[in-house]
Amino acid sequence: MIRQSQDRTGLAFRARRLAQAAAAAMLVAAPGTALVGVATSSSAVAQTSNVPNALQGFAKNRDQPVRINADSLEVRDKDKVAVFSGNVLVTQGDTTLRSKDLMVYYEGSVAQQAGGQPAGEQANGVDPSQKGQIRKLEAVGGVVVKTKEQTATGDSGVFEMKTNTVTLVGKPVVLTQGPNVIRGQKLVVDLVSGVSKFEGGRVESLIVPGSLKQDTLPKPADQGGQAPRR
């Protein structure tokens, strides 16, 4: 009975570590490129060679602890998913993520990580994410990501670890920075190339002249040729 209780405690602890690592990755990625894609066409692509101020703030937050609060935590090791449910709040530095549910999909077994590791690894608190266990993080239901300068909202947000992409979907997805607002249905961010793209319908943007610094404005992506004439 004592052993079973310890295993369950270790299981929950490892699940939290999985969620914390994945949530931290999403916090670093998601809103920092929020205003990179500025467009008014049906499908817009923009790229910036300079890091926006918000991303500089995330770089400072990388070393800060990640706190996750939720009404409940359930580990479904058979399905390889850990679920934080109800009033989820993820905080890292001055960045927050809110959603109804937060699901962490992983490879391997959390149970094995909790009870099957060598004593040295358990004592040292080895993070399973460092072994490539995390596959995907999904925030569902009223997703709101906030920094001091930017806010991104949508119905759901997905961070894919293997492809290094973040996808925010909503009706609509709304990105705001001060008086500037961008609305679309789907925002896909490639964290490797730094390219963000709106998909799935028209994009509406309201940009107030002089409200953004020059180095935070996007540069048109290379489309392989000149834009077609009307």
C-alpha atoms as a PDB file:
ATOM      1  CA  MET A   1       0.000   0.000   0.000  1.00  0.00           C
ATOM      2  CA  ILE A   2       2.832   2.378   0.859  1.00  0.00           C
ATOM      3  CA  ARG A   3       4.611   1.477  -2.367  1.00  0.00           C
ATOM      4  CA  GLN A   4       1.435   2.104  -4.398  1.00  0.00           C
ATOM      5  CA  SER A   5       0.948   5.477  -2.723  1.00  0.00           C
ATOM      6  CA  GLN A   6       4.538   6.448  -3.466  1.00  0.00           C
ATOM      7  CA  ASP A   7       4.159   5.396  -7.117  1.00  0.00           C
ATOM      8  CA  ARG A   8       1.043   7.519  -7.484  1.00  0.00           C
ATOM      9  CA  THR A   9       2.782  10.484  -5.901  1.00  0.00           C
ATOM     10  CA  GLY A  10       5.755  10.040  -8.204  1.00  0.00           C
ATOM     11  CA  LEU A  11       3.440   9.670 -11.190  1.00  0.00           C
ATOM     12  CA  ALA A  12       1.726  12.972 -10.475  1.00  0.00           C
ATOM     13  CA  PHE A  13       5.070  14.669  -9.863  1.00  0.00           C
ATOM     14  CA  ARG A  14       6.491  13.478 -13.183  1.00  0.00           C
ATOM     15  CA  ALA A  15       3.314  14.509 -14.978  1.00  0.00           C
ATOM     16  CA  ARG A  16       3.694  17.989 -13.563  1.00  0.00           C
ATOM     17  CA  ARG A  17       7.309  18.108 -14.708  1.00  0.00           C
ATOM     18  CA  LEU A  18       6.213  17.097 -18.216  1.00  0.00           C
ATOM     19  CA  ALA A  19       3.546  19.778 -18.271  1.00  0.00           C
ATOM     20  CA  GLN A  20       5.859  22.430 -16.898  1.00  0.00           C
ATOM     21  CA  ALA A  21       8.518  21.796 -19.512  1.00  0.00           C
ATOM     22  CA  ALA A  22       6.033  21.843 -22.384  1.00  0.00           C
ATOM     23  CA  ALA A  23       4.173  24.865 -21.063  1.00  0.00           C
ATOM     24  CA  ALA A  24       7.420  26.759 -20.696  1.00  0.00           C
ATOM     25  CA  ALA A  25       8.254  25.984 -24.304  1.00  0.00           C
ATOM     26  CA  MET A  26       4.902  27.300 -25.458  1.00  0.00           C
ATOM     27  CA  LEU A  27       5.164  30.428 -23.341  1.00  0.00           C
ATOM     28  CA  VAL A  28       8.505  31.204 -24.923  1.00  0.00           C
ATOM     29  CA  ALA A  29       7.112  30.614 -28.396  1.00  0.00           C
ATOM     30  CA  ALA A  30       3.515  31.614 -28.730  1.00  0.00           C
ATOM     31  CA  PRO A  31       2.901  35.313 -28.184  1.00  0.00           C
ATOM     32  CA  GLY A  32       6.382  36.569 -28.898  1.00  0.00           C
ATOM     33  CA  THR A  33       5.730  36.417 -32.629  1.00  0.00           C
ATOM     34  CA  ALA A  34       2.160  37.601 -32.256  1.00  0.00           C
ATOM     35  CA  LEU A  35       2.532  40.733 -34.343  1.00  0.00           C
ATOM     36  CA  VAL A  36       4.957  39.336 -36.889  1.00  0.00           C
ATOM     37  CA  GLY A  37       2.182  38.466 -39.341  1.00  0.00           C
ATOM     38  CA  VAL A  38       0.513  41.738 -40.378  1.00  0.00           C
ATOM     39  CA  ALA A  39      -1.720  41.521 -43.433  1.00  0.00           C
ATOM     40  CA  THR A  40      -5.083  42.215 -44.987  1.00  0.00           C
ATOM     41  CA  SER A  41      -5.284  39.449 -47.594  1.00  0.00           C
ATOM     42  CA  SER A  42      -6.862  35.996 -47.359  1.00  0.00           C
ATOM     43  CA  SER A  43      -3.574  34.286 -46.529  1.00  0.00           C
ATOM     44  CA  ALA A  44      -0.712  36.337 -45.171  1.00  0.00           C
ATOM     45  CA  VAL A  45       2.929  35.598 -44.596  1.00  0.00           C
ATOM     46  CA  ALA A  46       5.473  37.934 -43.073  1.00  0.00           C
ATOM     47  CA  GLN A  47       8.946  37.513 -41.703  1.00  0.00           C
ATOM     48  CA  THR A  48      11.135  39.589 -39.466  1.00  0.00           C
ATOM     49  CA  SER A  49      14.902  39.398 -39.102  1.00  0.00           C
ATOM     50  CA  ASN A  50      14.919  41.278 -35.802  1.00  0.00           C
ATOM     51  CA  VAL A  51      13.585  39.942 -32.519  1.00  0.00           C
ATOM     52  CA  PRO A  52      10.501  41.845 -31.306  1.00  0.00           C
ATOM     53  CA  ASN A  53      10.672  43.388 -27.850  1.00  0.00           C
ATOM     54  CA  ALA A  54       8.244  40.788 -26.497  1.00  0.00           C
ATOM     55  CA  LEU A  55      10.616  37.985 -27.428  1.00  0.00           C
ATOM     56  CA  GLN A  56      13.408  39.735 -25.587  1.00  0.00           C
ATOM     57  CA  GLY A  57      11.185  39.606 -22.524  1.00  0.00           C
ATOM     58  CA  PHE A  58      10.646  35.881 -23.045  1.00  0.00           C
ATOM     59  CA  ALA A  59      14.399  35.357 -23.273  1.00  0.00           C
ATOM     60  CA  LYS A  60      14.669  36.867 -19.805  1.00  0.00           C
ATOM     61  CA  ASN A  61      11.842  34.632 -18.577  1.00  0.00           C
ATOM     62  CA  ARG A  62      13.450  31.403 -19.799  1.00  0.00           C
ATOM     63  CA  ASP A  63      15.390  30.932 -16.578  1.00  0.00           C
ATOM     64  CA  GLN A  64      12.430  31.704 -14.337  1.00  0.00           C
ATOM     65  CA  PRO A  65      10.290  28.937 -12.820  1.00  0.00           C
ATOM     66  CA  VAL A  66       7.027  27.866 -14.434  1.00  0.00           C
ATOM     67  CA  ARG A  67       3.987  27.620 -12.168  1.00  0.00           C
ATOM     68  CA  ILE A  68       0.875  25.673 -13.163  1.00  0.00           C
ATOM     69  CA  ASN A  69      -2.394  25.919 -11.260  1.00  0.00           C
ATOM     70  CA  ALA A  70      -5.543  23.961 -12.108  1.00  0.00           C
ATOM     71  CA  ASP A  71      -8.577  22.480 -10.386  1.00  0.00           C
ATOM     72  CA  SER A  72      -7.422  18.913 -11.070  1.00  0.00           C
ATOM     73  CA  LEU A  73      -4.703  16.771 -12.642  1.00  0.00           C
ATOM     74  CA  GLU A  74      -5.305  13.404 -14.300  1.00  0.00           C
ATOM     75  CA  VAL A  75      -2.608  11.143 -15.742  1.00  0.00           C
ATOM     76  CA  ARG A  76      -3.755   8.680 -18.422  1.00  0.00           C
ATOM     77  CA  ASP A  77      -0.574   6.713 -18.870  1.00  0.00           C
ATOM     78  CA  LYS A  78      -2.268   4.227 -21.211  1.00  0.00           C
ATOM     79  CA  ASP A  79      -3.155   7.089 -23.560  1.00  0.00           C
ATOM     80  CA  LYS A  80       0.148   8.844 -22.812  1.00  0.00           C
ATOM     81  CA  VAL A  81      -1.435  12.132 -21.804  1.00  0.00           C
ATOM     82  CA  ALA A  82      -1.454  14.254 -18.654  1.00  0.00           C
ATOM     83  CA  VAL A  83      -4.467  16.552 -18.292  1.00  0.00           C
ATOM     84  CA  PHE A  84      -4.731  19.699 -16.186  1.00  0.00           C
ATOM     85  CA  SER A  85      -8.423  20.628 -15.985  1.00  0.00           C
ATOM     86  CA  GLY A  86     -10.364  23.668 -14.829  1.00  0.00           C
ATOM     87  CA  ASN A  87      -9.174  27.259 -14.601  1.00  0.00           C
ATOM     88  CA  VAL A  88      -5.679  26.455 -15.826  1.00  0.00           C
ATOM     89  CA  LEU A  89      -3.155  29.210 -15.164  1.00  0.00           C
ATOM     90  CA  VAL A  90       0.449  28.920 -16.321  1.00  0.00           C
ATOM     91  CA  THR A  91       2.833  31.649 -15.169  1.00  0.00           C
ATOM     92  CA  GLN A  92       6.441  32.310 -16.106  1.00  0.00           C
ATOM     93  CA  GLY A  93       7.883  35.672 -15.170  1.00  0.00           C
ATOM     94  CA  ASP A  94       5.526  38.341 -16.487  1.00  0.00           C
ATOM     95  CA  THR A  95       3.916  35.953 -18.987  1.00  0.00           C
ATOM     96  CA  THR A  96       0.684  34.063 -18.338  1.00  0.00           C
ATOM     97  CA  LEU A  97      -1.350  31.473 -20.197  1.00  0.00           C
ATOM     98  CA  ARG A  98      -4.967  30.772 -19.287  1.00  0.00           C
ATOM     99  CA  SER A  99      -7.212  28.039 -20.635  1.00  0.00           C
ATOM    100  CA  LYS A 100      -9.943  25.654 -19.574  1.00  0.00           C
ATOM    101  CA  ASP A 101      -7.775  22.556 -20.024  1.00  0.00           C
ATOM    102  CA  LEU A 102      -4.109  21.858 -20.658  1.00  0.00           C
ATOM    103  CA  MET A 103      -3.095  18.486 -22.138  1.00  0.00           C
ATOM    104  CA  VAL A 104       0.450  17.176 -22.373  1.00  0.00           C
ATOM    105  CA  TYR A 105       1.034  14.296 -24.803  1.00  0.00           C
ATOM    106  CA  TYR A 106       4.208  12.312 -24.273  1.00  0.00           C
ATOM    107  CA  GLU A 107       6.121   9.261 -25.415  1.00  0.00           C
ATOM    108  CA  GLY A 108       7.296   6.521 -23.098  1.00  0.00           C
ATOM    109  CA  SER A 109       5.738   5.895 -19.702  1.00  0.00           C
ATOM    110  CA  VAL A 110       5.347   8.376 -16.892  1.00  0.00           C
ATOM    111  CA  ALA A 111       4.877   5.428 -14.571  1.00  0.00           C
ATOM    112  CA  GLN A 112       8.289   4.121 -15.573  1.00  0.00           C
ATOM    113  CA  GLN A 113       9.767   7.552 -15.040  1.00  0.00           C
ATOM    114  CA  ALA A 114       8.211   7.672 -11.585  1.00  0.00           C
ATOM    115  CA  GLY A 115       9.054   4.197 -10.386  1.00  0.00           C
ATOM    116  CA  GLY A 116      11.572   2.701 -12.782  1.00  0.00           C
ATOM    117  CA  GLN A 117      14.420   5.195 -12.810  1.00  0.00           C
ATOM    118  CA  PRO A 118      17.673   4.582 -11.001  1.00  0.00           C
ATOM    119  CA  ALA A 119      17.759   6.133  -7.543  1.00  0.00           C
ATOM    120  CA  GLY A 120      20.389   8.629  -8.642  1.00  0.00           C
ATOM    121  CA  GLU A 121      18.159  10.052 -11.362  1.00  0.00           C
ATOM    122  CA  GLN A 122      15.190  10.269  -9.013  1.00  0.00           C
ATOM    123  CA  ALA A 123      17.235  12.041  -6.383  1.00  0.00           C
ATOM    124  CA  ASN A 124      18.609  14.494  -8.917  1.00  0.00           C
ATOM    125  CA  GLY A 125      15.138  15.228 -10.278  1.00  0.00           C
ATOM    126  CA  VAL A 126      15.878  14.352 -13.911  1.00  0.00           C
ATOM    127  CA  ASP A 127      13.295  15.945 -16.180  1.00  0.00           C
ATOM    128  CA  PRO A 128      11.754  13.385 -18.597  1.00  0.00           C
ATOM    129  CA  SER A 129      11.420  16.156 -21.200  1.00  0.00           C
ATOM    130  CA  GLN A 130      15.195  16.147 -21.544  1.00  0.00           C
ATOM    131  CA  LYS A 131      14.905  12.603 -22.885  1.00  0.00           C
ATOM    132  CA  GLY A 132      12.507  13.669 -25.622  1.00  0.00           C
ATOM    133  CA  GLN A 133       9.380  12.415 -23.854  1.00  0.00           C
ATOM    134  CA  ILE A 134       7.119  15.381 -24.614  1.00  0.00           C
ATOM    135  CA  ARG A 135       5.375  15.164 -27.977  1.00  0.00           C
ATOM    136  CA  LYS A 136       2.722  17.875 -27.958  1.00  0.00           C
ATOM    137  CA  LEU A 137       1.072  20.434 -25.712  1.00  0.00           C
ATOM    138  CA  GLU A 138      -2.541  21.449 -26.286  1.00  0.00           C
ATOM    139  CA  ALA A 139      -4.382  24.251 -24.484  1.00  0.00           C
ATOM    140  CA  VAL A 140      -8.147  24.165 -25.028  1.00  0.00           C
ATOM    141  CA  GLY A 141     -10.973  26.523 -24.169  1.00  0.00           C
ATOM    142  CA  GLY A 142     -10.630  30.286 -23.992  1.00  0.00           C
ATOM    143  CA  VAL A 143      -6.873  30.380 -24.514  1.00  0.00           C
ATOM    144  CA  VAL A 144      -5.363  33.715 -23.460  1.00  0.00           C
ATOM    145  CA  VAL A 145      -1.624  34.412 -23.512  1.00  0.00           C
ATOM    146  CA  LYS A 146      -0.467  37.724 -22.048  1.00  0.00           C
ATOM    147  CA  THR A 147       2.771  39.616 -21.678  1.00  0.00           C
ATOM    148  CA  LYS A 148       3.283  43.205 -20.588  1.00  0.00           C
ATOM    149  CA  GLU A 149       2.883  44.400 -24.180  1.00  0.00           C
ATOM    150  CA  GLN A 150       0.992  41.718 -26.094  1.00  0.00           C
ATOM    151  CA  THR A 151      -2.119  39.570 -25.811  1.00  0.00           C
ATOM    152  CA  ALA A 152      -3.067  36.587 -27.973  1.00  0.00           C
ATOM    153  CA  THR A 153      -6.460  34.892 -27.688  1.00  0.00           C
ATOM    154  CA  GLY A 154      -8.032  31.899 -29.398  1.00  0.00           C
ATOM    155  CA  ASP A 155     -10.135  28.802 -28.869  1.00  0.00           C
ATOM    156  CA  SER A 156      -7.170  26.418 -28.786  1.00  0.00           C
ATOM    157  CA  GLY A 157      -3.405  26.442 -29.022  1.00  0.00           C
ATOM    158  CA  VAL A 158      -1.065  23.596 -29.983  1.00  0.00           C
ATOM    159  CA  PHE A 159       2.703  23.390 -29.607  1.00  0.00           C
ATOM    160  CA  GLU A 160       4.371  20.603 -31.625  1.00  0.00           C
ATOM    161  CA  MET A 161       7.741  19.708 -30.154  1.00  0.00           C
ATOM    162  CA  LYS A 162       9.067  17.759 -33.158  1.00  0.00           C
ATOM    163  CA  THR A 163       8.195  20.356 -35.786  1.00  0.00           C
ATOM    164  CA  ASN A 164       8.817  23.402 -33.567  1.00  0.00           C
ATOM    165  CA  THR A 165       5.542  25.002 -34.600  1.00  0.00           C
ATOM    166  CA  VAL A 166       2.807  26.766 -32.682  1.00  0.00           C
ATOM    167  CA  THR A 167      -0.764  26.888 -33.993  1.00  0.00           C
ATOM    168  CA  LEU A 168      -3.453  29.120 -32.516  1.00  0.00           C
ATOM    169  CA  VAL A 169      -7.017  28.607 -33.760  1.00  0.00           C
ATOM    170  CA  GLY A 170     -10.095  30.661 -32.965  1.00  0.00           C
ATOM    171  CA  LYS A 171     -13.240  32.387 -34.177  1.00  0.00           C
ATOM    172  CA  PRO A 172     -11.326  34.569 -34.423  1.00  0.00           C
ATOM    173  CA  VAL A 173      -7.727  34.544 -33.255  1.00  0.00           C
ATOM    174  CA  VAL A 174      -7.102  38.046 -31.897  1.00  0.00           C
ATOM    175  CA  LEU A 175      -3.641  39.543 -31.464  1.00  0.00           C
ATOM    176  CA  THR A 176      -3.247  42.916 -29.790  1.00  0.00           C
ATOM    177  CA  GLN A 177      -0.363  45.172 -28.916  1.00  0.00           C
ATOM    178  CA  GLY A 178      -1.432  48.545 -27.621  1.00  0.00           C
ATOM    179  CA  PRO A 179      -3.872  50.023 -30.158  1.00  0.00           C
ATOM    180  CA  ASN A 180      -2.875  47.523 -32.870  1.00  0.00           C
ATOM    181  CA  VAL A 181      -5.176  44.564 -33.524  1.00  0.00           C
ATOM    182  CA  ILE A 182      -4.993  41.609 -35.913  1.00  0.00           C
ATOM    183  CA  ARG A 183      -7.837  39.103 -36.388  1.00  0.00           C
ATOM    184  CA  GLY A 184      -7.783  35.821 -38.269  1.00  0.00           C
ATOM    185  CA  GLN A 185      -8.948  32.224 -38.031  1.00  0.00           C
ATOM    186  CA  LYS A 186      -5.658  30.353 -37.738  1.00  0.00           C
ATOM    187  CA  LEU A 187      -2.137  31.478 -36.915  1.00  0.00           C
ATOM    188  CA  VAL A 188       0.790  29.129 -37.547  1.00  0.00           C
ATOM    189  CA  VAL A 189       4.251  30.079 -36.274  1.00  0.00           C
ATOM    190  CA  ASP A 190       7.439  28.311 -37.369  1.00  0.00           C
ATOM    191  CA  LEU A 191       9.865  28.780 -34.495  1.00  0.00           C
ATOM    192  CA  VAL A 192      12.886  27.748 -36.561  1.00  0.00           C
ATOM    193  CA  SER A 193      12.462  30.106 -39.513  1.00  0.00           C
ATOM    194  CA  GLY A 194      10.666  32.828 -37.563  1.00  0.00           C
ATOM    195  CA  VAL A 195       7.846  32.919 -40.138  1.00  0.00           C
ATOM    196  CA  SER A 196       4.248  33.341 -39.005  1.00  0.00           C
ATOM    197  CA  LYS A 197       1.291  32.742 -41.292  1.00  0.00           C
ATOM    198  CA  PHE A 198      -2.437  33.321 -41.099  1.00  0.00           C
ATOM    199  CA  GLU A 199      -4.528  30.649 -42.810  1.00  0.00           C
ATOM    200  CA  GLY A 200      -8.132  29.663 -43.377  1.00  0.00           C
ATOM    201  CA  GLY A 201      -9.789  32.937 -44.337  1.00  0.00           C
ATOM    202  CA  ARG A 202      -9.467  36.669 -44.491  1.00  0.00           C
ATOM    203  CA  VAL A 203      -7.278  38.567 -42.064  1.00  0.00           C
ATOM    204  CA  GLU A 204      -8.233  41.941 -40.621  1.00  0.00           C
ATOM    205  CA  SER A 205      -5.609  44.261 -39.199  1.00  0.00           C
ATOM    206  CA  LEU A 206      -5.665  47.668 -37.561  1.00  0.00           C
ATOM    207  CA  ILE A 207      -2.215  49.236 -37.258  1.00  0.00           C
ATOM    208  CA  VAL A 208      -1.860  52.716 -35.799  1.00  0.00           C
ATOM    209  CA  PRO A 209       0.986  54.659 -37.490  1.00  0.00           C
ATOM    210  CA  GLY A 210       3.887  55.354 -35.175  1.00  0.00           C
ATOM    211  CA  SER A 211       2.720  52.892 -32.523  1.00  0.00           C
ATOM    212  CA  LEU A 212       5.302  50.237 -33.398  1.00  0.00           C
ATOM    213  CA  LYS A 213       9.061  50.584 -33.494  1.00  0.00           C
ATOM    214  CA  GLN A 214      10.621  50.112 -36.898  1.00  0.00           C
ATOM    215  CA  ASP A 215      12.465  46.936 -35.908  1.00  0.00           C
ATOM    216  CA  THR A 216       9.240  45.241 -34.789  1.00  0.00           C
ATOM    217  CA  LEU A 217       7.481  45.720 -38.126  1.00  0.00           C
ATOM    218  CA  PRO A 218       7.472  42.648 -40.381  1.00  0.00           C
ATOM    219  CA  LYS A 219       9.268  42.456 -43.667  1.00  0.00           C
ATOM    220  CA  PRO A 220       7.430  40.833 -46.604  1.00  0.00           C
ATOM    221  CA  ALA A 221       8.412  37.213 -47.044  1.00  0.00           C
ATOM    222  CA  ASP A 222      10.130  36.200 -50.266  1.00  0.00           C
ATOM    223  CA  GLN A 223       7.372  34.933 -52.514  1.00  0.00           C
ATOM    224  CA  GLY A 224       9.745  33.995 -55.329  1.00  0.00           C
ATOM    225  CA  GLY A 225       8.737  36.880 -57.545  1.00  0.00           C
ATOM    226  CA  GLN A 226       6.872  40.125 -57.780  1.00  0.00           C
ATOM    227  CA  ALA A 227       3.299  40.388 -56.639  1.00  0.00           C
ATOM    228  CA  PRO A 228       0.783  39.914 -59.475  1.00  0.00           C
ATOM    229  CA  ARG A 229      -0.644  43.068 -60.973  1.00  0.00           C
ATOM    230  CA  ARG A 230      -4.335  43.750 -60.636  1.00  0.00           C
END
